[in-house]
């Protein structure tokens, strides 16, 4: 969420939900760990992209804002 100098919320908290699926075949274990790590890395990258895009869409009011976790 983003608050203004008077601690009023000017950009509400948002949640991201990202999902990926893949077939796990116990007879073809070779490469599955690598595939899983690739999917996890792609999820992190997709989440970061969505966060940046949401922040880009934010139009501040007349006073500077403070970002709060």
C-alpha atoms as a PDB file:
ATOM      1  CA  UNK A   1       0.000   0.000   0.000  1.00  0.00           C
ATOM      2  CA  UNK A   2       1.067   3.555  -0.564  1.00  0.00           C
ATOM      3  CA  UNK A   3       0.221   6.308   1.903  1.00  0.00           C
ATOM      4  CA  UNK A   4       0.484  10.069   1.597  1.00  0.00           C
ATOM      5  CA  UNK A   5       2.232  12.330   4.122  1.00  0.00           C
ATOM      6  CA  UNK A   6      -0.870  12.349   6.310  1.00  0.00           C
ATOM      7  CA  UNK A   7      -0.845   8.521   6.377  1.00  0.00           C
ATOM      8  CA  UNK A   8      -3.981   8.274   4.207  1.00  0.00           C
ATOM      9  CA  UNK A   9      -4.039   5.309   1.868  1.00  0.00           C
ATOM     10  CA  UNK A  10      -3.763   6.532  -1.711  1.00  0.00           C
ATOM     11  CA  UNK A  11      -2.985   3.172  -3.331  1.00  0.00           C
ATOM     12  CA  UNK A  12      -4.557   0.166  -1.591  1.00  0.00           C
ATOM     13  CA  UNK A  13      -2.817  -3.095  -0.795  1.00  0.00           C
ATOM     14  CA  UNK A  14      -3.051  -5.631  -3.574  1.00  0.00           C
ATOM     15  CA  UNK A  15      -2.307  -9.326  -3.614  1.00  0.00           C
ATOM     16  CA  UNK A  16      -0.735 -11.356  -6.374  1.00  0.00           C
ATOM     17  CA  UNK A  17      -1.540 -14.970  -7.076  1.00  0.00           C
ATOM     18  CA  UNK A  18       0.631 -16.730  -9.623  1.00  0.00           C
ATOM     19  CA  UNK A  19       0.335 -20.375 -10.592  1.00  0.00           C
ATOM     20  CA  UNK A  20       2.136 -22.743 -12.893  1.00  0.00           C
ATOM     21  CA  UNK A  21       1.632 -26.428 -13.361  1.00  0.00           C
ATOM     22  CA  UNK A  22       3.733 -29.194 -14.743  1.00  0.00           C
ATOM     23  CA  UNK A  23       3.534 -32.950 -14.994  1.00  0.00           C
ATOM     24  CA  UNK A  24       5.719 -34.820 -12.545  1.00  0.00           C
ATOM     25  CA  UNK A  25       6.596 -38.247 -13.834  1.00  0.00           C
ATOM     26  CA  UNK A  26       8.498 -40.333 -11.302  1.00  0.00           C
ATOM     27  CA  UNK A  27       9.862 -42.479 -14.134  1.00  0.00           C
ATOM     28  CA  UNK A  28      11.466 -39.438 -15.778  1.00  0.00           C
ATOM     29  CA  UNK A  29      13.119 -37.776 -12.791  1.00  0.00           C
ATOM     30  CA  UNK A  30      16.150 -36.564 -14.748  1.00  0.00           C
ATOM     31  CA  UNK A  31      15.715 -32.864 -15.403  1.00  0.00           C
ATOM     32  CA  UNK A  32      12.623 -32.399 -13.215  1.00  0.00           C
ATOM     33  CA  UNK A  33      14.516 -30.509 -10.505  1.00  0.00           C
ATOM     34  CA  UNK A  34      15.879 -28.156 -13.145  1.00  0.00           C
ATOM     35  CA  UNK A  35      12.418 -27.737 -14.662  1.00  0.00           C
ATOM     36  CA  UNK A  36      10.940 -26.987 -11.238  1.00  0.00           C
ATOM     37  CA  UNK A  37      13.628 -24.375 -10.511  1.00  0.00           C
ATOM     38  CA  UNK A  38      12.999 -22.760 -13.907  1.00  0.00           C
ATOM     39  CA  UNK A  39       9.263 -22.537 -13.188  1.00  0.00           C
ATOM     40  CA  UNK A  40       9.903 -21.008  -9.755  1.00  0.00           C
ATOM     41  CA  UNK A  41      12.287 -18.432 -11.240  1.00  0.00           C
ATOM     42  CA  UNK A  42       9.689 -17.550 -13.897  1.00  0.00           C
ATOM     43  CA  UNK A  43       7.069 -17.060 -11.164  1.00  0.00           C
ATOM     44  CA  UNK A  44       9.363 -14.630  -9.332  1.00  0.00           C
ATOM     45  CA  UNK A  45      10.007 -12.726 -12.554  1.00  0.00           C
ATOM     46  CA  UNK A  46       6.293 -12.593 -13.399  1.00  0.00           C
ATOM     47  CA  UNK A  47       5.486 -11.318  -9.899  1.00  0.00           C
ATOM     48  CA  UNK A  48       8.140  -8.607 -10.138  1.00  0.00           C
ATOM     49  CA  UNK A  49       6.822  -7.525 -13.540  1.00  0.00           C
ATOM     50  CA  UNK A  50       3.260  -7.300 -12.220  1.00  0.00           C
ATOM     51  CA  UNK A  51       4.376  -5.239  -9.215  1.00  0.00           C
ATOM     52  CA  UNK A  52       6.321  -2.820 -11.416  1.00  0.00           C
ATOM     53  CA  UNK A  53       3.367  -2.482 -13.815  1.00  0.00           C
ATOM     54  CA  UNK A  54       0.993  -1.745 -10.930  1.00  0.00           C
ATOM     55  CA  UNK A  55       3.349   0.900  -9.563  1.00  0.00           C
ATOM     56  CA  UNK A  56       3.677   2.464 -13.019  1.00  0.00           C
ATOM     57  CA  UNK A  57      -0.099   2.833 -13.177  1.00  0.00           C
ATOM     58  CA  UNK A  58      -0.105   4.781  -9.904  1.00  0.00           C
ATOM     59  CA  UNK A  59      -0.773   8.480 -10.375  1.00  0.00           C
ATOM     60  CA  UNK A  60       0.337  10.405  -7.273  1.00  0.00           C
ATOM     61  CA  UNK A  61      -1.707  13.231  -5.856  1.00  0.00           C
ATOM     62  CA  UNK A  62      -0.226  16.671  -5.287  1.00  0.00           C
ATOM     63  CA  UNK A  63       1.914  15.566  -2.310  1.00  0.00           C
ATOM     64  CA  UNK A  64       4.770  13.034  -2.386  1.00  0.00           C
ATOM     65  CA  UNK A  65       3.873   9.605  -1.002  1.00  0.00           C
ATOM     66  CA  UNK A  66       5.609   7.105   1.190  1.00  0.00           C
ATOM     67  CA  UNK A  67       5.627   3.406   0.383  1.00  0.00           C
ATOM     68  CA  UNK A  68       4.896   1.147   3.352  1.00  0.00           C
ATOM     69  CA  UNK A  69       5.402  -2.603   3.398  1.00  0.00           C
END
